[in-house]
Amino acid sequence: MQEFVYALLMVQASYRQAIQKRIKEQGIDLTFEMIQVMRCLYRKDAVNQQDLANQTHKDKSSLSYLLNNMEKRNLIARTESHQDKRSKLIVLTEEGQALHQQIKIIVETVYHKVEETTDKNKLQFCVDYMKELSGIISND
């Protein structure tokens, strides 16, 4: 099992490195964590900080630092929630949305490379097995 988890971590690290390399080649100065936040906000705009922390698997203080940095770069904005005035919602700015579109194309090229060189049946087996393992581990 340890070897399996190690292999998963290696795949995750390789994925991050591939994305980071291509982003730097395009002259984009973003961390992988910023990209994760942007992806979550693109999928569902106007997310509160706690939900965003849950989606990105970050603690609130780390996420707060990250969001402050992104706000300074005009990638995100904080707005008041209509339901709860104390709660701030995080949204992508127009600049953030435009940058996300560039990044989305870069990420899709990485996916495409993997898809064209990988046996689709093996890939689907891995996905199914990962879901099964996740269920087993989370029921512990």
N, C-alpha and C. Protein backbone atom coordinates (compact mmCIF):
# COMPACT_ATOMS: atom_id res chain seq x y z
N MET A 1 0.82 -1.19 0.00
CA MET A 1 0.00 0.00 0.00
C MET A 1 0.86 1.26 0.00
N GLN A 2 1.96 1.23 0.74
CA GLN A 2 2.85 2.39 0.79
C GLN A 2 3.41 2.71 -0.59
N GLU A 3 3.76 1.69 -1.33
CA GLU A 3 4.30 1.90 -2.68
C GLU A 3 3.23 2.51 -3.58
N PHE A 4 2.01 2.09 -3.42
CA PHE A 4 0.89 2.63 -4.19
C PHE A 4 0.70 4.11 -3.90
N VAL A 5 0.67 4.48 -2.62
CA VAL A 5 0.50 5.88 -2.22
C VAL A 5 1.68 6.71 -2.74
N TYR A 6 2.87 6.18 -2.64
CA TYR A 6 4.04 6.88 -3.16
C TYR A 6 3.91 7.12 -4.67
N ALA A 7 3.43 6.12 -5.39
CA ALA A 7 3.24 6.27 -6.84
C ALA A 7 2.20 7.36 -7.13
N LEU A 8 1.15 7.41 -6.35
CA LEU A 8 0.14 8.47 -6.51
C LEU A 8 0.75 9.85 -6.30
N LEU A 9 1.54 9.97 -5.26
CA LEU A 9 2.18 11.25 -4.98
C LEU A 9 3.14 11.65 -6.09
N MET A 10 3.80 10.67 -6.67
CA MET A 10 4.70 10.97 -7.80
C MET A 10 3.92 11.47 -9.01
N VAL A 11 2.78 10.87 -9.28
CA VAL A 11 1.93 11.32 -10.39
C VAL A 11 1.45 12.74 -10.13
N GLN A 12 1.02 13.00 -8.90
CA GLN A 12 0.56 14.34 -8.56
C GLN A 12 1.69 15.36 -8.72
N ALA A 13 2.87 15.04 -8.26
CA ALA A 13 4.01 15.96 -8.38
C ALA A 13 4.37 16.18 -9.85
N SER A 14 4.34 15.13 -10.64
CA SER A 14 4.64 15.26 -12.07
C SER A 14 3.62 16.15 -12.76
N TYR A 15 2.36 15.98 -12.40
CA TYR A 15 1.29 16.80 -12.97
C TYR A 15 1.52 18.28 -12.64
N ARG A 16 1.78 18.57 -11.37
CA ARG A 16 2.04 19.95 -10.95
C ARG A 16 3.22 20.54 -11.70
N GLN A 17 4.30 19.77 -11.80
CA GLN A 17 5.50 20.25 -12.49
C GLN A 17 5.24 20.53 -13.96
N ALA A 18 4.48 19.66 -14.61
CA ALA A 18 4.17 19.85 -16.02
C ALA A 18 3.36 21.13 -16.23
N ILE A 19 2.38 21.35 -15.38
CA ILE A 19 1.55 22.56 -15.48
C ILE A 19 2.42 23.79 -15.21
N GLN A 20 3.18 23.77 -14.12
CA GLN A 20 4.03 24.91 -13.77
C GLN A 20 5.02 25.25 -14.88
N LYS A 21 5.62 24.23 -15.47
CA LYS A 21 6.59 24.44 -16.54
C LYS A 21 5.94 25.16 -17.72
N ARG A 22 4.80 24.70 -18.14
CA ARG A 22 4.11 25.30 -19.30
C ARG A 22 3.61 26.70 -18.99
N ILE A 23 3.21 26.92 -17.77
CA ILE A 23 2.74 28.26 -17.38
C ILE A 23 3.91 29.24 -17.38
N LYS A 24 5.05 28.81 -16.85
CA LYS A 24 6.24 29.69 -16.87
C LYS A 24 6.70 29.97 -18.29
N GLU A 25 6.60 28.96 -19.16
CA GLU A 25 6.98 29.16 -20.56
C GLU A 25 6.12 30.24 -21.22
N GLN A 26 4.89 30.40 -20.74
CA GLN A 26 3.99 31.42 -21.27
C GLN A 26 4.16 32.77 -20.56
N GLY A 27 5.10 32.82 -19.62
CA GLY A 27 5.35 34.07 -18.90
C GLY A 27 4.31 34.41 -17.85
N ILE A 28 3.58 33.42 -17.41
CA ILE A 28 2.54 33.63 -16.40
C ILE A 28 3.14 33.36 -15.02
N ASP A 29 3.00 34.32 -14.12
CA ASP A 29 3.58 34.21 -12.79
C ASP A 29 2.49 33.87 -11.78
N LEU A 30 2.17 32.59 -11.67
CA LEU A 30 1.18 32.10 -10.72
C LEU A 30 1.69 30.83 -10.07
N THR A 31 1.28 30.63 -8.82
CA THR A 31 1.59 29.36 -8.17
C THR A 31 0.50 28.35 -8.52
N PHE A 32 0.80 27.09 -8.30
CA PHE A 32 -0.18 26.04 -8.57
C PHE A 32 -1.41 26.23 -7.68
N GLU A 33 -1.18 26.69 -6.44
CA GLU A 33 -2.29 26.91 -5.52
C GLU A 33 -3.23 28.00 -6.04
N MET A 34 -2.68 29.04 -6.64
CA MET A 34 -3.51 30.10 -7.23
C MET A 34 -4.35 29.54 -8.37
N ILE A 35 -3.75 28.67 -9.14
CA ILE A 35 -4.46 28.05 -10.26
C ILE A 35 -5.63 27.21 -9.73
N GLN A 36 -5.40 26.49 -8.63
CA GLN A 36 -6.47 25.69 -8.03
C GLN A 36 -7.64 26.58 -7.60
N VAL A 37 -7.33 27.70 -6.96
CA VAL A 37 -8.36 28.63 -6.52
C VAL A 37 -9.12 29.17 -7.72
N MET A 38 -8.40 29.56 -8.75
CA MET A 38 -9.04 30.10 -9.95
C MET A 38 -9.97 29.08 -10.58
N ARG A 39 -9.53 27.83 -10.62
CA ARG A 39 -10.36 26.76 -11.20
C ARG A 39 -11.65 26.60 -10.41
N CYS A 40 -11.56 26.61 -9.08
CA CYS A 40 -12.75 26.48 -8.24
C CYS A 40 -13.70 27.65 -8.46
N LEU A 41 -13.16 28.86 -8.55
CA LEU A 41 -14.00 30.04 -8.74
C LEU A 41 -14.59 30.09 -10.14
N TYR A 42 -13.89 29.53 -11.10
CA TYR A 42 -14.42 29.51 -12.45
C TYR A 42 -15.61 28.56 -12.55
N ARG A 43 -15.50 27.44 -11.85
CA ARG A 43 -16.58 26.45 -11.85
C ARG A 43 -17.83 26.99 -11.17
N LYS A 44 -17.63 27.68 -10.05
CA LYS A 44 -18.76 28.23 -9.30
C LYS A 44 -18.33 29.58 -8.75
N ASP A 45 -18.75 30.63 -9.42
CA ASP A 45 -18.37 31.97 -9.00
C ASP A 45 -19.07 32.32 -7.69
N ALA A 46 -18.49 33.22 -6.95
CA ALA A 46 -19.04 33.70 -5.68
C ALA A 46 -19.10 32.58 -4.65
N VAL A 47 -17.93 32.22 -4.14
CA VAL A 47 -17.80 31.16 -3.16
C VAL A 47 -17.29 31.78 -1.86
N ASN A 48 -17.85 31.35 -0.72
CA ASN A 48 -17.32 31.89 0.53
C ASN A 48 -15.99 31.22 0.86
N GLN A 49 -15.24 31.86 1.73
CA GLN A 49 -13.88 31.41 1.99
C GLN A 49 -13.82 30.00 2.59
N GLN A 50 -14.77 29.66 3.44
CA GLN A 50 -14.77 28.32 4.03
C GLN A 50 -14.99 27.24 2.97
N ASP A 51 -15.94 27.48 2.07
CA ASP A 51 -16.18 26.51 0.99
C ASP A 51 -14.96 26.39 0.08
N LEU A 52 -14.33 27.51 -0.18
CA LEU A 52 -13.12 27.50 -1.01
C LEU A 52 -11.99 26.74 -0.31
N ALA A 53 -11.87 26.91 0.99
CA ALA A 53 -10.86 26.17 1.76
C ALA A 53 -11.13 24.67 1.68
N ASN A 54 -12.40 24.28 1.77
CA ASN A 54 -12.75 22.87 1.67
C ASN A 54 -12.45 22.31 0.28
N GLN A 55 -12.79 23.07 -0.75
CA GLN A 55 -12.58 22.61 -2.13
C GLN A 55 -11.10 22.48 -2.48
N THR A 56 -10.28 23.35 -1.92
CA THR A 56 -8.85 23.34 -2.26
C THR A 56 -8.02 22.57 -1.23
N HIS A 57 -8.68 22.10 -0.19
CA HIS A 57 -8.01 21.34 0.89
C HIS A 57 -6.91 22.18 1.55
N LYS A 58 -7.24 23.45 1.79
CA LYS A 58 -6.31 24.37 2.46
C LYS A 58 -6.94 24.83 3.77
N ASP A 59 -6.09 25.10 4.76
CA ASP A 59 -6.63 25.67 5.98
C ASP A 59 -6.93 27.15 5.72
N LYS A 60 -7.81 27.73 6.54
CA LYS A 60 -8.29 29.09 6.30
C LYS A 60 -7.17 30.13 6.32
N SER A 61 -6.18 29.96 7.17
CA SER A 61 -5.11 30.97 7.24
C SER A 61 -4.23 30.92 5.99
N SER A 62 -3.92 29.73 5.50
CA SER A 62 -3.14 29.62 4.27
C SER A 62 -3.91 30.18 3.09
N LEU A 63 -5.20 29.86 3.05
CA LEU A 63 -6.03 30.35 1.97
C LEU A 63 -6.16 31.87 2.03
N SER A 64 -6.29 32.41 3.22
CA SER A 64 -6.42 33.86 3.38
C SER A 64 -5.18 34.57 2.82
N TYR A 65 -4.02 34.06 3.13
CA TYR A 65 -2.77 34.63 2.60
C TYR A 65 -2.76 34.55 1.07
N LEU A 66 -3.16 33.42 0.54
CA LEU A 66 -3.21 33.21 -0.91
C LEU A 66 -4.20 34.18 -1.57
N LEU A 67 -5.37 34.33 -0.96
CA LEU A 67 -6.38 35.22 -1.51
C LEU A 67 -5.94 36.68 -1.46
N ASN A 68 -5.25 37.07 -0.39
CA ASN A 68 -4.73 38.44 -0.31
C ASN A 68 -3.77 38.71 -1.46
N ASN A 69 -2.91 37.74 -1.72
CA ASN A 69 -1.95 37.86 -2.82
C ASN A 69 -2.67 37.96 -4.17
N MET A 70 -3.69 37.15 -4.34
CA MET A 70 -4.44 37.17 -5.60
C MET A 70 -5.24 38.47 -5.75
N GLU A 71 -5.72 38.99 -4.64
CA GLU A 71 -6.47 40.25 -4.68
C GLU A 71 -5.54 41.40 -5.07
N LYS A 72 -4.32 41.40 -4.56
CA LYS A 72 -3.34 42.43 -4.93
C LYS A 72 -3.03 42.38 -6.42
N ARG A 73 -3.11 41.20 -7.01
CA ARG A 73 -2.84 41.03 -8.45
C ARG A 73 -4.09 41.28 -9.30
N ASN A 74 -5.18 41.64 -8.64
CA ASN A 74 -6.46 41.91 -9.30
C ASN A 74 -7.02 40.68 -10.02
N LEU A 75 -6.79 39.51 -9.44
CA LEU A 75 -7.33 38.27 -10.00
C LEU A 75 -8.66 37.89 -9.36
N ILE A 76 -8.83 38.29 -8.11
CA ILE A 76 -10.07 38.01 -7.39
C ILE A 76 -10.54 39.28 -6.69
N ALA A 77 -11.80 39.25 -6.29
CA ALA A 77 -12.35 40.33 -5.47
C ALA A 77 -13.21 39.69 -4.39
N ARG A 78 -13.34 40.41 -3.29
CA ARG A 78 -14.22 39.96 -2.20
C ARG A 78 -15.46 40.84 -2.21
N THR A 79 -16.62 40.21 -2.18
CA THR A 79 -17.87 40.95 -2.18
C THR A 79 -18.73 40.48 -1.01
N GLU A 80 -19.67 41.32 -0.62
CA GLU A 80 -20.58 40.95 0.47
C GLU A 80 -21.60 39.94 0.00
N SER A 81 -21.91 39.02 0.89
CA SER A 81 -22.96 38.05 0.62
C SER A 81 -24.31 38.72 0.87
N HIS A 82 -25.27 38.45 0.02
CA HIS A 82 -26.61 39.00 0.20
C HIS A 82 -27.33 38.31 1.37
N GLN A 83 -26.98 37.04 1.63
CA GLN A 83 -27.62 36.29 2.72
C GLN A 83 -27.03 36.65 4.09
N ASP A 84 -25.70 36.88 4.12
CA ASP A 84 -25.02 37.14 5.39
C ASP A 84 -24.01 38.26 5.18
N LYS A 85 -24.30 39.43 5.68
CA LYS A 85 -23.45 40.60 5.47
C LYS A 85 -22.06 40.44 6.08
N ARG A 86 -21.92 39.55 7.06
CA ARG A 86 -20.61 39.32 7.67
C ARG A 86 -19.72 38.45 6.79
N SER A 87 -20.35 37.69 5.92
CA SER A 87 -19.62 36.75 5.07
C SER A 87 -19.20 37.41 3.76
N LYS A 88 -17.97 37.16 3.36
CA LYS A 88 -17.46 37.67 2.09
C LYS A 88 -17.45 36.54 1.07
N LEU A 89 -17.86 36.87 -0.13
CA LEU A 89 -17.80 35.91 -1.23
C LEU A 89 -16.61 36.26 -2.11
N ILE A 90 -15.94 35.24 -2.61
CA ILE A 90 -14.77 35.42 -3.45
C ILE A 90 -15.22 35.23 -4.90
N VAL A 91 -14.84 36.15 -5.76
CA VAL A 91 -15.18 36.07 -7.18
C VAL A 91 -13.94 36.35 -8.02
N LEU A 92 -13.91 35.78 -9.22
CA LEU A 92 -12.85 36.10 -10.18
C LEU A 92 -13.16 37.46 -10.80
N THR A 93 -12.14 38.29 -10.93
CA THR A 93 -12.30 39.55 -11.65
C THR A 93 -12.26 39.25 -13.15
N GLU A 94 -12.52 40.24 -13.96
CA GLU A 94 -12.41 40.05 -15.42
C GLU A 94 -11.00 39.62 -15.78
N GLU A 95 -10.02 40.24 -15.13
CA GLU A 95 -8.62 39.88 -15.38
C GLU A 95 -8.35 38.43 -14.97
N GLY A 96 -8.92 38.03 -13.85
CA GLY A 96 -8.79 36.65 -13.38
C GLY A 96 -9.43 35.67 -14.34
N GLN A 97 -10.60 36.03 -14.86
CA GLN A 97 -11.28 35.16 -15.81
C GLN A 97 -10.48 35.01 -17.10
N ALA A 98 -9.92 36.11 -17.58
CA ALA A 98 -9.13 36.06 -18.81
C ALA A 98 -7.88 35.20 -18.60
N LEU A 99 -7.23 35.36 -17.46
CA LEU A 99 -6.04 34.56 -17.18
C LEU A 99 -6.41 33.09 -17.02
N HIS A 100 -7.56 32.83 -16.41
CA HIS A 100 -8.00 31.44 -16.27
C HIS A 100 -8.18 30.79 -17.64
N GLN A 101 -8.70 31.53 -18.59
CA GLN A 101 -8.88 30.98 -19.94
C GLN A 101 -7.54 30.56 -20.54
N GLN A 102 -6.50 31.37 -20.34
CA GLN A 102 -5.16 31.02 -20.82
C GLN A 102 -4.67 29.75 -20.15
N ILE A 103 -4.84 29.69 -18.85
CA ILE A 103 -4.37 28.54 -18.07
C ILE A 103 -5.15 27.28 -18.46
N LYS A 104 -6.43 27.44 -18.69
CA LYS A 104 -7.28 26.30 -19.06
C LYS A 104 -6.74 25.65 -20.34
N ILE A 105 -6.32 26.43 -21.29
CA ILE A 105 -5.76 25.91 -22.54
C ILE A 105 -4.47 25.15 -22.26
N ILE A 106 -3.64 25.68 -21.39
CA ILE A 106 -2.38 25.04 -21.03
C ILE A 106 -2.65 23.69 -20.35
N VAL A 107 -3.58 23.66 -19.42
CA VAL A 107 -3.92 22.43 -18.70
C VAL A 107 -4.48 21.39 -19.67
N GLU A 108 -5.31 21.84 -20.59
CA GLU A 108 -5.89 20.92 -21.56
C GLU A 108 -4.82 20.29 -22.45
N THR A 109 -3.74 21.01 -22.75
CA THR A 109 -2.66 20.41 -23.54
C THR A 109 -1.96 19.29 -22.76
N VAL A 110 -1.84 19.47 -21.46
CA VAL A 110 -1.24 18.42 -20.62
C VAL A 110 -2.16 17.20 -20.61
N TYR A 111 -3.46 17.43 -20.42
CA TYR A 111 -4.42 16.33 -20.44
C TYR A 111 -4.39 15.61 -21.79
N HIS A 112 -4.36 16.38 -22.85
CA HIS A 112 -4.37 15.80 -24.20
C HIS A 112 -3.16 14.90 -24.42
N LYS A 113 -2.00 15.36 -23.95
CA LYS A 113 -0.77 14.56 -24.10
C LYS A 113 -0.91 13.22 -23.38
N VAL A 114 -1.46 13.26 -22.19
CA VAL A 114 -1.65 12.03 -21.43
C VAL A 114 -2.67 11.12 -22.12
N GLU A 115 -3.76 11.72 -22.57
CA GLU A 115 -4.81 10.92 -23.20
C GLU A 115 -4.36 10.25 -24.49
N GLU A 116 -3.51 10.92 -25.26
CA GLU A 116 -3.08 10.32 -26.53
C GLU A 116 -1.99 9.27 -26.35
N THR A 117 -1.39 9.20 -25.17
CA THR A 117 -0.33 8.22 -24.94
C THR A 117 -0.70 7.16 -23.91
N THR A 118 -1.94 7.19 -23.44
CA THR A 118 -2.37 6.28 -22.38
C THR A 118 -3.50 5.39 -22.88
N ASP A 119 -3.45 4.14 -22.47
CA ASP A 119 -4.52 3.19 -22.77
C ASP A 119 -5.77 3.62 -22.00
N LYS A 120 -6.83 3.94 -22.71
CA LYS A 120 -8.05 4.46 -22.09
C LYS A 120 -8.68 3.46 -21.13
N ASN A 121 -8.58 2.16 -21.43
CA ASN A 121 -9.13 1.15 -20.52
C ASN A 121 -8.37 1.12 -19.20
N LYS A 122 -7.04 1.21 -19.28
CA LYS A 122 -6.23 1.25 -18.07
C LYS A 122 -6.54 2.49 -17.24
N LEU A 123 -6.68 3.60 -17.94
CA LEU A 123 -6.98 4.86 -17.27
C LEU A 123 -8.33 4.78 -16.55
N GLN A 124 -9.34 4.23 -17.21
CA GLN A 124 -10.65 4.11 -16.59
C GLN A 124 -10.60 3.15 -15.40
N PHE A 125 -9.84 2.06 -15.54
CA PHE A 125 -9.67 1.14 -14.41
C PHE A 125 -9.06 1.86 -13.22
N CYS A 126 -8.03 2.68 -13.48
CA CYS A 126 -7.38 3.44 -12.40
C CYS A 126 -8.37 4.39 -11.72
N VAL A 127 -9.16 5.08 -12.52
CA VAL A 127 -10.14 6.02 -11.97
C VAL A 127 -11.14 5.27 -11.09
N ASP A 128 -11.67 4.18 -11.59
CA ASP A 128 -12.64 3.40 -10.83
C ASP A 128 -12.03 2.88 -9.53
N TYR A 129 -10.80 2.39 -9.63
CA TYR A 129 -10.14 1.83 -8.46
C TYR A 129 -9.82 2.92 -7.43
N MET A 130 -9.44 4.10 -7.90
CA MET A 130 -9.16 5.21 -6.99
C MET A 130 -10.42 5.61 -6.23
N LYS A 131 -11.55 5.64 -6.91
CA LYS A 131 -12.82 5.95 -6.25
C LYS A 131 -13.15 4.90 -5.19
N GLU A 132 -12.91 3.66 -5.53
CA GLU A 132 -13.17 2.57 -4.58
C GLU A 132 -12.27 2.69 -3.36
N LEU A 133 -11.00 2.94 -3.57
CA LEU A 133 -10.07 3.10 -2.46
C LEU A 133 -10.41 4.31 -1.60
N SER A 134 -10.80 5.38 -2.26
CA SER A 134 -11.19 6.59 -1.52
C SER A 134 -12.35 6.29 -0.60
N GLY A 135 -13.32 5.54 -1.09
CA GLY A 135 -14.46 5.15 -0.26
C GLY A 135 -14.05 4.29 0.92
N ILE A 136 -13.14 3.37 0.69
CA ILE A 136 -12.66 2.49 1.75
C ILE A 136 -11.94 3.30 2.82
N ILE A 137 -11.05 4.19 2.39
CA ILE A 137 -10.26 4.99 3.33
C ILE A 137 -11.14 5.96 4.11
N SER A 138 -12.07 6.61 3.43
CA SER A 138 -12.91 7.60 4.11
C SER A 138 -13.91 6.97 5.08
N ASN A 139 -14.20 5.68 4.94
CA ASN A 139 -15.10 5.00 5.86
C ASN A 139 -14.39 4.48 7.09
N ASP A 140 -13.13 4.75 7.21
CA ASP A 140 -12.34 4.29 8.37
C ASP A 140 -12.70 4.99 9.64
